[in-house]
């Protein structure tokens, strides 16, 4: 994870070792890399929502926490999500996973 993003996480009180959710989309057919996505949550106020930001290979944006958080977090300050997406190579010695069939 890029140093600038780690610095932001430190300011927001987010431990980068504990994402709120993490999931994979499998191998990207265009790049051969594996696409992972997820989010980190924190309590605060977003002054302005923006588009996806690039921190090296790590893409992220601020958004509303989904699913809808419990009642105490539905008023200011809100439960905010930092959504992320990253493409990574397969580097471990285990065989690459077999692609899952997706419903059509």
PDB file of N, CA and C in Angstrom:
ATOM      1  N   UNK A   1       0.856  -1.168   0.000  1.00  0.00           N
ATOM      2  CA  UNK A   1       0.000   0.000   0.000  1.00  0.00           C
ATOM      3  C   UNK A   1       0.906   1.237   0.000  1.00  0.00           C
ATOM      4  N   UNK A   2       0.596   2.244  -0.829  1.00  0.00           N
ATOM      5  CA  UNK A   2       1.433   3.436  -0.924  1.00  0.00           C
ATOM      6  C   UNK A   2       1.520   4.197   0.406  1.00  0.00           C
ATOM      7  N   UNK A   3       2.672   4.810   0.645  1.00  0.00           N
ATOM      8  CA  UNK A   3       2.924   5.546   1.888  1.00  0.00           C
ATOM      9  C   UNK A   3       1.899   6.653   2.110  1.00  0.00           C
ATOM     10  N   UNK A   4       1.547   7.399   1.063  1.00  0.00           N
ATOM     11  CA  UNK A   4       0.567   8.487   1.207  1.00  0.00           C
ATOM     12  C   UNK A   4      -0.770   7.958   1.715  1.00  0.00           C
ATOM     13  N   UNK A   5      -1.180   6.804   1.208  1.00  0.00           N
ATOM     14  CA  UNK A   5      -2.446   6.221   1.643  1.00  0.00           C
ATOM     15  C   UNK A   5      -2.339   5.717   3.078  1.00  0.00           C
ATOM     16  N   UNK A   6      -1.212   5.129   3.444  1.00  0.00           N
ATOM     17  CA  UNK A   6      -1.001   4.699   4.828  1.00  0.00           C
ATOM     18  C   UNK A   6      -1.036   5.897   5.776  1.00  0.00           C
ATOM     19  N   UNK A   7      -0.463   7.031   5.347  1.00  0.00           N
ATOM     20  CA  UNK A   7      -0.503   8.257   6.160  1.00  0.00           C
ATOM     21  C   UNK A   7      -1.946   8.722   6.348  1.00  0.00           C
ATOM     22  N   UNK A   8      -2.752   8.684   5.282  1.00  0.00           N
ATOM     23  CA  UNK A   8      -4.168   9.058   5.377  1.00  0.00           C
ATOM     24  C   UNK A   8      -4.893   8.131   6.345  1.00  0.00           C
ATOM     25  N   UNK A   9      -4.649   6.828   6.238  1.00  0.00           N
ATOM     26  CA  UNK A   9      -5.276   5.873   7.148  1.00  0.00           C
ATOM     27  C   UNK A   9      -4.908   6.175   8.595  1.00  0.00           C
ATOM     28  N   UNK A  10      -3.657   6.536   8.847  1.00  0.00           N
ATOM     29  CA  UNK A  10      -3.222   6.868  10.210  1.00  0.00           C
ATOM     30  C   UNK A  10      -3.980   8.085  10.734  1.00  0.00           C
ATOM     31  N   UNK A  11      -4.166   9.091   9.894  1.00  0.00           N
ATOM     32  CA  UNK A  11      -4.914  10.294  10.295  1.00  0.00           C
ATOM     33  C   UNK A  11      -6.361   9.939  10.624  1.00  0.00           C
ATOM     34  N   UNK A  12      -6.962   9.035   9.830  1.00  0.00           N
ATOM     35  CA  UNK A  12      -8.366   8.662  10.012  1.00  0.00           C
ATOM     36  C   UNK A  12      -8.565   7.589  11.081  1.00  0.00           C
ATOM     37  N   UNK A  13      -7.459   7.028  11.603  1.00  0.00           N
ATOM     38  CA  UNK A  13      -7.564   5.994  12.627  1.00  0.00           C
ATOM     39  C   UNK A  13      -7.922   4.631  12.061  1.00  0.00           C
ATOM     40  N   UNK A  14      -7.562   4.380  10.804  1.00  0.00           N
ATOM     41  CA  UNK A  14      -7.862   3.108  10.147  1.00  0.00           C
ATOM     42  C   UNK A  14      -6.627   2.220  10.206  1.00  0.00           C
ATOM     43  N   UNK A  15      -6.796   0.992  10.662  1.00  0.00           N
ATOM     44  CA  UNK A  15      -5.717   0.013  10.636  1.00  0.00           C
ATOM     45  C   UNK A  15      -5.802  -0.715   9.295  1.00  0.00           C
ATOM     46  N   UNK A  16      -4.806  -0.540   8.406  1.00  0.00           N
ATOM     47  CA  UNK A  16      -4.892  -1.148   7.074  1.00  0.00           C
ATOM     48  C   UNK A  16      -4.879  -2.674   7.079  1.00  0.00           C
ATOM     49  N   UNK A  17      -4.565  -3.278   8.208  1.00  0.00           N
ATOM     50  CA  UNK A  17      -4.574  -4.753   8.294  1.00  0.00           C
ATOM     51  C   UNK A  17      -5.990  -5.313   8.445  1.00  0.00           C
ATOM     52  N   UNK A  18      -6.975  -4.446   8.717  1.00  0.00           N
ATOM     53  CA  UNK A  18      -8.336  -4.911   9.014  1.00  0.00           C
ATOM     54  C   UNK A  18      -9.363  -4.209   8.137  1.00  0.00           C
ATOM     55  N   UNK A  19      -9.496  -4.662   6.901  1.00  0.00           N
ATOM     56  CA  UNK A  19     -10.520  -4.103   6.023  1.00  0.00           C
ATOM     57  C   UNK A  19     -11.892  -4.571   6.499  1.00  0.00           C
ATOM     58  N   UNK A  20     -12.934  -3.797   6.162  1.00  0.00           N
ATOM     59  CA  UNK A  20     -14.300  -4.179   6.530  1.00  0.00           C
ATOM     60  C   UNK A  20     -14.792  -5.329   5.677  1.00  0.00           C
ATOM     61  N   UNK A  21     -14.369  -5.368   4.427  1.00  0.00           N
ATOM     62  CA  UNK A  21     -14.736  -6.464   3.536  1.00  0.00           C
ATOM     63  C   UNK A  21     -13.688  -6.546   2.443  1.00  0.00           C
ATOM     64  N   UNK A  22     -13.487  -7.755   1.928  1.00  0.00           N
ATOM     65  CA  UNK A  22     -12.533  -7.995   0.855  1.00  0.00           C
ATOM     66  C   UNK A  22     -13.075  -9.122  -0.009  1.00  0.00           C
ATOM     67  N   UNK A  23     -13.051  -8.938  -1.306  1.00  0.00           N
ATOM     68  CA  UNK A  23     -13.523  -9.986  -2.200  1.00  0.00           C
ATOM     69  C   UNK A  23     -12.747  -9.914  -3.504  1.00  0.00           C
ATOM     70  N   UNK A  24     -12.805 -11.000  -4.266  1.00  0.00           N
ATOM     71  CA  UNK A  24     -12.071 -11.025  -5.529  1.00  0.00           C
ATOM     72  C   UNK A  24     -13.030 -11.210  -6.690  1.00  0.00           C
ATOM     73  N   UNK A  25     -12.597 -10.708  -7.826  1.00  0.00           N
ATOM     74  CA  UNK A  25     -13.343 -10.862  -9.069  1.00  0.00           C
ATOM     75  C   UNK A  25     -12.689 -11.883  -9.978  1.00  0.00           C
ATOM     76  N   UNK A  26     -11.586 -12.479  -9.532  1.00  0.00           N
ATOM     77  CA  UNK A  26     -10.867 -13.433 -10.359  1.00  0.00           C
ATOM     78  C   UNK A  26      -9.879 -12.743 -11.277  1.00  0.00           C
ATOM     79  N   UNK A  27      -9.403 -13.483 -12.243  1.00  0.00           N
ATOM     80  CA  UNK A  27      -8.365 -13.014 -13.156  1.00  0.00           C
ATOM     81  C   UNK A  27      -8.940 -12.070 -14.198  1.00  0.00           C
ATOM     82  N   UNK A  28      -8.316 -10.923 -14.342  1.00  0.00           N
ATOM     83  CA  UNK A  28      -8.720  -9.945 -15.350  1.00  0.00           C
ATOM     84  C   UNK A  28      -8.232 -10.439 -16.711  1.00  0.00           C
ATOM     85  N   UNK A  29      -9.139 -10.664 -17.666  1.00  0.00           N
ATOM     86  CA  UNK A  29      -8.718 -11.224 -18.960  1.00  0.00           C
ATOM     87  C   UNK A  29      -7.835 -10.276 -19.762  1.00  0.00           C
ATOM     88  N   UNK A  30      -7.906  -8.985 -19.490  1.00  0.00           N
ATOM     89  CA  UNK A  30      -7.109  -8.014 -20.240  1.00  0.00           C
ATOM     90  C   UNK A  30      -5.673  -7.913 -19.750  1.00  0.00           C
ATOM     91  N   UNK A  31      -5.464  -8.113 -18.441  1.00  0.00           N
ATOM     92  CA  UNK A  31      -4.130  -7.921 -17.873  1.00  0.00           C
ATOM     93  C   UNK A  31      -3.494  -9.204 -17.359  1.00  0.00           C
ATOM     94  N   UNK A  32      -4.315 -10.240 -17.086  1.00  0.00           N
ATOM     95  CA  UNK A  32      -3.802 -11.457 -16.484  1.00  0.00           C
ATOM     96  C   UNK A  32      -3.575 -11.314 -14.989  1.00  0.00           C
ATOM     97  N   UNK A  33      -3.936 -10.163 -14.419  1.00  0.00           N
ATOM     98  CA  UNK A  33      -3.792  -9.923 -12.984  1.00  0.00           C
ATOM     99  C   UNK A  33      -5.108 -10.244 -12.285  1.00  0.00           C
ATOM    100  N   UNK A  34      -5.038 -10.423 -10.974  1.00  0.00           N
ATOM    101  CA  UNK A  34      -6.230 -10.725 -10.185  1.00  0.00           C
ATOM    102  C   UNK A  34      -6.793  -9.442  -9.588  1.00  0.00           C
ATOM    103  N   UNK A  35      -8.106  -9.262  -9.774  1.00  0.00           N
ATOM    104  CA  UNK A  35      -8.790  -8.047  -9.319  1.00  0.00           C
ATOM    105  C   UNK A  35      -9.390  -8.298  -7.934  1.00  0.00           C
ATOM    106  N   UNK A  36      -8.991  -7.460  -6.972  1.00  0.00           N
ATOM    107  CA  UNK A  36      -9.526  -7.507  -5.618  1.00  0.00           C
ATOM    108  C   UNK A  36     -10.172  -6.176  -5.304  1.00  0.00           C
ATOM    109  N   UNK A  37     -11.216  -6.225  -4.494  1.00  0.00           N
ATOM    110  CA  UNK A  37     -11.928  -5.014  -4.113  1.00  0.00           C
ATOM    111  C   UNK A  37     -12.433  -5.173  -2.685  1.00  0.00           C
ATOM    112  N   UNK A  38     -12.754  -4.067  -2.062  1.00  0.00           N
ATOM    113  CA  UNK A  38     -13.282  -4.100  -0.704  1.00  0.00           C
ATOM    114  C   UNK A  38     -13.424  -2.694  -0.164  1.00  0.00           C
ATOM    115  N   UNK A  39     -13.517  -2.580   1.156  1.00  0.00           N
ATOM    116  CA  UNK A  39     -13.621  -1.258   1.761  1.00  0.00           C
ATOM    117  C   UNK A  39     -13.153  -1.278   3.207  1.00  0.00           C
ATOM    118  N   UNK A  40     -12.787  -0.081   3.642  1.00  0.00           N
ATOM    119  CA  UNK A  40     -12.451   0.208   5.035  1.00  0.00           C
ATOM    120  C   UNK A  40     -13.483   1.208   5.518  1.00  0.00           C
ATOM    121  N   UNK A  41     -13.901   1.111   6.774  1.00  0.00           N
ATOM    122  CA  UNK A  41     -14.868   2.060   7.338  1.00  0.00           C
ATOM    123  C   UNK A  41     -14.217   2.929   8.394  1.00  0.00           C
ATOM    124  N   UNK A  42     -14.734   4.146   8.523  1.00  0.00           N
ATOM    125  CA  UNK A  42     -14.364   5.041   9.613  1.00  0.00           C
ATOM    126  C   UNK A  42     -15.536   5.977   9.864  1.00  0.00           C
ATOM    127  N   UNK A  43     -15.553   6.614  11.012  1.00  0.00           N
ATOM    128  CA  UNK A  43     -16.627   7.545  11.361  1.00  0.00           C
ATOM    129  C   UNK A  43     -16.132   8.959  11.083  1.00  0.00           C
ATOM    130  N   UNK A  44     -16.950   9.732  10.352  1.00  0.00           N
ATOM    131  CA  UNK A  44     -16.551  11.092  10.020  1.00  0.00           C
ATOM    132  C   UNK A  44     -17.573  11.761   9.134  1.00  0.00           C
ATOM    133  N   UNK A  45     -17.133  12.793   8.454  1.00  0.00           N
ATOM    134  CA  UNK A  45     -17.979  13.551   7.543  1.00  0.00           C
ATOM    135  C   UNK A  45     -17.211  13.756   6.249  1.00  0.00           C
ATOM    136  N   UNK A  46     -17.821  13.431   5.142  1.00  0.00           N
ATOM    137  CA  UNK A  46     -17.209  13.694   3.847  1.00  0.00           C
ATOM    138  C   UNK A  46     -17.703  15.052   3.384  1.00  0.00           C
ATOM    139  N   UNK A  47     -16.772  15.979   3.166  1.00  0.00           N
ATOM    140  CA  UNK A  47     -17.128  17.325   2.726  1.00  0.00           C
ATOM    141  C   UNK A  47     -17.523  17.306   1.262  1.00  0.00           C
ATOM    142  N   UNK A  48     -16.803  16.535   0.469  1.00  0.00           N
ATOM    143  CA  UNK A  48     -17.100  16.451  -0.955  1.00  0.00           C
ATOM    144  C   UNK A  48     -16.760  15.052  -1.450  1.00  0.00           C
ATOM    145  N   UNK A  49     -17.746  14.373  -2.053  1.00  0.00           N
ATOM    146  CA  UNK A  49     -17.492  13.068  -2.650  1.00  0.00           C
ATOM    147  C   UNK A  49     -16.810  13.284  -3.988  1.00  0.00           C
ATOM    148  N   UNK A  50     -15.877  12.434  -4.312  1.00  0.00           N
ATOM    149  CA  UNK A  50     -15.151  12.573  -5.567  1.00  0.00           C
ATOM    150  C   UNK A  50     -15.147  11.284  -6.336  1.00  0.00           C
ATOM    151  N   UNK A  51     -14.341  11.269  -7.350  1.00  0.00           N
ATOM    152  CA  UNK A  51     -14.224  10.079  -8.171  1.00  0.00           C
ATOM    153  C   UNK A  51     -13.070   9.217  -7.662  1.00  0.00           C
ATOM    154  N   UNK A  52     -12.880   8.092  -8.291  1.00  0.00           N
ATOM    155  CA  UNK A  52     -11.831   7.156  -7.920  1.00  0.00           C
ATOM    156  C   UNK A  52     -10.483   7.862  -7.991  1.00  0.00           C
ATOM    157  N   UNK A  53      -9.675   7.706  -6.949  1.00  0.00           N
ATOM    158  CA  UNK A  53      -8.338   8.283  -6.874  1.00  0.00           C
ATOM    159  C   UNK A  53      -7.311   7.177  -7.062  1.00  0.00           C
ATOM    160  N   UNK A  54      -6.170   7.541  -7.580  1.00  0.00           N
ATOM    161  CA  UNK A  54      -5.119   6.574  -7.848  1.00  0.00           C
ATOM    162  C   UNK A  54      -3.958   6.813  -6.894  1.00  0.00           C
ATOM    163  N   UNK A  55      -3.589   5.763  -6.138  1.00  0.00           N
ATOM    164  CA  UNK A  55      -2.412   5.806  -5.273  1.00  0.00           C
ATOM    165  C   UNK A  55      -1.532   4.634  -5.702  1.00  0.00           C
ATOM    166  N   UNK A  56      -0.732   4.855  -6.718  1.00  0.00           N
ATOM    167  CA  UNK A  56       0.041   3.749  -7.291  1.00  0.00           C
ATOM    168  C   UNK A  56      -0.914   2.801  -7.993  1.00  0.00           C
ATOM    169  N   UNK A  57      -0.826   1.520  -7.671  1.00  0.00           N
ATOM    170  CA  UNK A  57      -1.734   0.516  -8.246  1.00  0.00           C
ATOM    171  C   UNK A  57      -3.029   0.392  -7.452  1.00  0.00           C
ATOM    172  N   UNK A  58      -3.161   1.148  -6.387  1.00  0.00           N
ATOM    173  CA  UNK A  58      -4.280   1.056  -5.460  1.00  0.00           C
ATOM    174  C   UNK A  58      -5.269   2.162  -5.793  1.00  0.00           C
ATOM    175  N   UNK A  59      -6.464   1.820  -6.288  1.00  0.00           N
ATOM    176  CA  UNK A  59      -7.507   2.801  -6.592  1.00  0.00           C
ATOM    177  C   UNK A  59      -8.475   2.869  -5.423  1.00  0.00           C
ATOM    178  N   UNK A  60      -8.907   4.085  -5.035  1.00  0.00           N
ATOM    179  CA  UNK A  60      -9.832   4.215  -3.917  1.00  0.00           C
ATOM    180  C   UNK A  60     -10.726   5.433  -4.084  1.00  0.00           C
ATOM    181  N   UNK A  61     -11.856   5.412  -3.362  1.00  0.00           N
ATOM    182  CA  UNK A  61     -12.766   6.551  -3.327  1.00  0.00           C
ATOM    183  C   UNK A  61     -13.531   6.527  -2.015  1.00  0.00           C
ATOM    184  N   UNK A  62     -14.025   7.699  -1.608  1.00  0.00           N
ATOM    185  CA  UNK A  62     -14.845   7.801  -0.409  1.00  0.00           C
ATOM    186  C   UNK A  62     -16.303   7.645  -0.793  1.00  0.00           C
ATOM    187  N   UNK A  63     -17.076   6.966   0.036  1.00  0.00           N
ATOM    188  CA  UNK A  63     -18.486   6.781  -0.243  1.00  0.00           C
ATOM    189  C   UNK A  63     -19.253   6.448   1.006  1.00  0.00           C
ATOM    190  N   UNK A  64     -20.553   6.317   0.870  1.00  0.00           N
ATOM    191  CA  UNK A  64     -21.399   5.931   1.992  1.00  0.00           C
ATOM    192  C   UNK A  64     -21.166   4.457   2.304  1.00  0.00           C
ATOM    193  N   UNK A  65     -21.168   4.126   3.571  1.00  0.00           N
ATOM    194  CA  UNK A  65     -20.967   2.737   3.987  1.00  0.00           C
ATOM    195  C   UNK A  65     -22.175   1.901   3.590  1.00  0.00           C
ATOM    196  N   UNK A  66     -21.906   0.788   2.948  1.00  0.00           N
ATOM    197  CA  UNK A  66     -22.963  -0.152   2.567  1.00  0.00           C
ATOM    198  C   UNK A  66     -22.566  -1.522   3.070  1.00  0.00           C
ATOM    199  N   UNK A  67     -23.436  -2.348   3.553  1.00  0.00           N
ATOM    200  CA  UNK A  67     -24.862  -2.078   3.708  1.00  0.00           C
ATOM    201  C   UNK A  67     -25.099  -0.976   4.738  1.00  0.00           C
ATOM    202  N   UNK A  68     -26.336  -0.505   4.792  1.00  0.00           N
ATOM    203  CA  UNK A  68     -26.689   0.590   5.691  1.00  0.00           C
ATOM    204  C   UNK A  68     -26.260   0.260   7.116  1.00  0.00           C
ATOM    205  N   UNK A  69     -25.520   1.175   7.737  1.00  0.00           N
ATOM    206  CA  UNK A  69     -25.017   0.901   9.084  1.00  0.00           C
ATOM    207  C   UNK A  69     -26.114   0.963  10.146  1.00  0.00           C
ATOM    208  N   UNK A  70     -25.804   0.484  11.366  1.00  0.00           N
ATOM    209  CA  UNK A  70     -26.774   0.564  12.465  1.00  0.00           C
ATOM    210  C   UNK A  70     -27.182   2.006  12.755  1.00  0.00           C
ATOM    211  N   UNK A  71     -28.313   2.181  13.401  1.00  0.00           N
ATOM    212  CA  UNK A  71     -28.918   3.486  13.690  1.00  0.00           C
ATOM    213  C   UNK A  71     -27.941   4.539  14.227  1.00  0.00           C
ATOM    214  N   UNK A  72     -27.074   4.232  15.193  1.00  0.00           N
ATOM    215  CA  UNK A  72     -26.211   5.303  15.720  1.00  0.00           C
ATOM    216  C   UNK A  72     -25.309   5.948  14.668  1.00  0.00           C
ATOM    217  N   UNK A  73     -25.071   5.281  13.537  1.00  0.00           N
ATOM    218  CA  UNK A  73     -24.169   5.801  12.513  1.00  0.00           C
ATOM    219  C   UNK A  73     -24.912   6.392  11.315  1.00  0.00           C
ATOM    220  N   UNK A  74     -26.233   6.631  11.438  1.00  0.00           N
ATOM    221  CA  UNK A  74     -27.006   7.164  10.320  1.00  0.00           C
ATOM    222  C   UNK A  74     -27.180   8.672  10.397  1.00  0.00           C
ATOM    223  N   UNK A  75     -26.600   9.313  11.406  1.00  0.00           N
ATOM    224  CA  UNK A  75     -26.597  10.767  11.507  1.00  0.00           C
ATOM    225  C   UNK A  75     -25.146  11.206  11.668  1.00  0.00           C
ATOM    226  N   UNK A  76     -24.878  12.508  11.490  1.00  0.00           N
ATOM    227  CA  UNK A  76     -23.498  13.012  11.604  1.00  0.00           C
ATOM    228  C   UNK A  76     -22.946  12.738  12.996  1.00  0.00           C
ATOM    229  N   UNK A  77     -21.705  12.300  13.144  1.00  0.00           N
ATOM    230  CA  UNK A  77     -20.844  11.862  12.057  1.00  0.00           C
ATOM    231  C   UNK A  77     -21.286  10.509  11.520  1.00  0.00           C
ATOM    232  N   UNK A  78     -21.073  10.299  10.251  1.00  0.00           N
ATOM    233  CA  UNK A  78     -21.533   9.096   9.564  1.00  0.00           C
ATOM    234  C   UNK A  78     -20.459   8.016   9.524  1.00  0.00           C
ATOM    235  N   UNK A  79     -20.901   6.797   9.263  1.00  0.00           N
ATOM    236  CA  UNK A  79     -19.972   5.719   8.966  1.00  0.00           C
ATOM    237  C   UNK A  79     -19.642   5.848   7.476  1.00  0.00           C
ATOM    238  N   UNK A  80     -18.387   6.130   7.181  1.00  0.00           N
ATOM    239  CA  UNK A  80     -17.918   6.382   5.823  1.00  0.00           C
ATOM    240  C   UNK A  80     -17.105   5.179   5.349  1.00  0.00           C
ATOM    241  N   UNK A  81     -17.135   4.921   4.071  1.00  0.00           N
ATOM    242  CA  UNK A  81     -16.348   3.823   3.497  1.00  0.00           C
ATOM    243  C   UNK A  81     -15.289   4.377   2.554  1.00  0.00           C
ATOM    244  N   UNK A  82     -14.111   3.793   2.620  1.00  0.00           N
ATOM    245  CA  UNK A  82     -13.106   4.003   1.587  1.00  0.00           C
ATOM    246  C   UNK A  82     -13.123   2.722   0.760  1.00  0.00           C
ATOM    247  N   UNK A  83     -13.729   2.811  -0.414  1.00  0.00           N
ATOM    248  CA  UNK A  83     -13.791   1.664  -1.328  1.00  0.00           C
ATOM    249  C   UNK A  83     -12.469   1.575  -2.074  1.00  0.00           C
ATOM    250  N   UNK A  84     -11.989   0.354  -2.298  1.00  0.00           N
ATOM    251  CA  UNK A  84     -10.734   0.214  -3.025  1.00  0.00           C
ATOM    252  C   UNK A  84     -10.813  -0.910  -4.040  1.00  0.00           C
ATOM    253  N   UNK A  85      -9.897  -0.852  -5.002  1.00  0.00           N
ATOM    254  CA  UNK A  85      -9.752  -1.879  -6.018  1.00  0.00           C
ATOM    255  C   UNK A  85      -8.279  -1.937  -6.385  1.00  0.00           C
ATOM    256  N   UNK A  86      -7.776  -3.156  -6.558  1.00  0.00           N
ATOM    257  CA  UNK A  86      -6.374  -3.322  -6.941  1.00  0.00           C
ATOM    258  C   UNK A  86      -6.234  -4.570  -7.802  1.00  0.00           C
ATOM    259  N   UNK A  87      -5.307  -4.518  -8.744  1.00  0.00           N
ATOM    260  CA  UNK A  87      -4.951  -5.667  -9.573  1.00  0.00           C
ATOM    261  C   UNK A  87      -3.594  -6.176  -9.099  1.00  0.00           C
ATOM    262  N   UNK A  88      -3.522  -7.474  -8.816  1.00  0.00           N
ATOM    263  CA  UNK A  88      -2.281  -8.057  -8.300  1.00  0.00           C
ATOM    264  C   UNK A  88      -1.921  -9.324  -9.066  1.00  0.00           C
ATOM    265  N   UNK A  89      -0.617  -9.588  -9.193  1.00  0.00           N
ATOM    266  CA  UNK A  89      -0.214 -10.847  -9.825  1.00  0.00           C
ATOM    267  C   UNK A  89      -0.379 -12.002  -8.851  1.00  0.00           C
ATOM    268  N   UNK A  90      -0.464 -13.208  -9.386  1.00  0.00           N
ATOM    269  CA  UNK A  90      -0.502 -14.422  -8.561  1.00  0.00           C
ATOM    270  C   UNK A  90       0.952 -14.755  -8.227  1.00  0.00           C
ATOM    271  N   UNK A  91       1.341 -14.687  -6.933  1.00  0.00           N
ATOM    272  CA  UNK A  91       2.752 -14.867  -6.576  1.00  0.00           C
ATOM    273  C   UNK A  91       3.009 -16.032  -5.620  1.00  0.00           C
ATOM    274  N   UNK A  92       1.976 -16.622  -5.048  1.00  0.00           N
ATOM    275  CA  UNK A  92       2.210 -17.709  -4.108  1.00  0.00           C
ATOM    276  C   UNK A  92       2.417 -19.015  -4.854  1.00  0.00           C
ATOM    277  N   UNK A  93       2.964 -20.004  -4.149  1.00  0.00           N
ATOM    278  CA  UNK A  93       3.302 -21.273  -4.807  1.00  0.00           C
ATOM    279  C   UNK A  93       2.087 -22.161  -5.061  1.00  0.00           C
ATOM    280  N   UNK A  94       0.948 -21.854  -4.467  1.00  0.00           N
ATOM    281  CA  UNK A  94      -0.272 -22.627  -4.713  1.00  0.00           C
ATOM    282  C   UNK A  94      -0.716 -22.428  -6.159  1.00  0.00           C
ATOM    283  N   UNK A  95      -1.361 -23.432  -6.748  1.00  0.00           N
ATOM    284  CA  UNK A  95      -1.865 -23.263  -8.127  1.00  0.00           C
ATOM    285  C   UNK A  95      -2.899 -22.141  -8.195  1.00  0.00           C
ATOM    286  N   UNK A  96      -2.952 -21.476  -9.335  1.00  0.00           N
ATOM    287  CA  UNK A  96      -3.952 -20.432  -9.517  1.00  0.00           C
ATOM    288  C   UNK A  96      -5.341 -21.051  -9.455  1.00  0.00           C
ATOM    289  N   UNK A  97      -6.310 -20.314  -8.900  1.00  0.00           N
ATOM    290  CA  UNK A  97      -7.663 -20.879  -8.801  1.00  0.00           C
ATOM    291  C   UNK A  97      -8.302 -21.070 -10.165  1.00  0.00           C
ATOM    292  N   UNK A  98      -9.168 -22.050 -10.244  1.00  0.00           N
ATOM    293  CA  UNK A  98      -9.930 -22.303 -11.457  1.00  0.00           C
ATOM    294  C   UNK A  98     -11.041 -21.255 -11.513  1.00  0.00           C
ATOM    295  N   UNK A  99     -11.235 -20.602 -12.658  1.00  0.00           N
ATOM    296  CA  UNK A  99     -12.288 -19.587 -12.756  1.00  0.00           C
ATOM    297  C   UNK A  99     -13.656 -20.157 -12.397  1.00  0.00           C
ATOM    298  N   UNK A 100     -14.421 -19.374 -11.641  1.00  0.00           N
ATOM    299  CA  UNK A 100     -15.781 -19.765 -11.283  1.00  0.00           C
ATOM    300  C   UNK A 100     -16.724 -19.398 -12.413  1.00  0.00           C
ATOM    301  N   UNK A 101     -17.740 -20.207 -12.607  1.00  0.00           N
ATOM    302  CA  UNK A 101     -18.764 -19.872 -13.594  1.00  0.00           C
ATOM    303  C   UNK A 101     -19.659 -18.802 -13.002  1.00  0.00           C
ATOM    304  N   UNK A 102     -19.978 -17.807 -13.790  1.00  0.00           N
ATOM    305  CA  UNK A 102     -20.860 -16.725 -13.343  1.00  0.00           C
ATOM    306  C   UNK A 102     -22.229 -16.923 -13.949  1.00  0.00           C
ATOM    307  N   UNK A 103     -23.262 -16.606 -13.166  1.00  0.00           N
ATOM    308  CA  UNK A 103     -24.635 -16.713 -13.667  1.00  0.00           C
ATOM    309  C   UNK A 103     -24.837 -15.714 -14.801  1.00  0.00           C
ATOM    310  N   UNK A 104     -25.622 -16.091 -15.791  1.00  0.00           N
ATOM    311  CA  UNK A 104     -25.889 -15.180 -16.894  1.00  0.00           C
ATOM    312  C   UNK A 104     -27.283 -14.636 -16.820  1.00  0.00           C
TER     313      UNK A 104
END
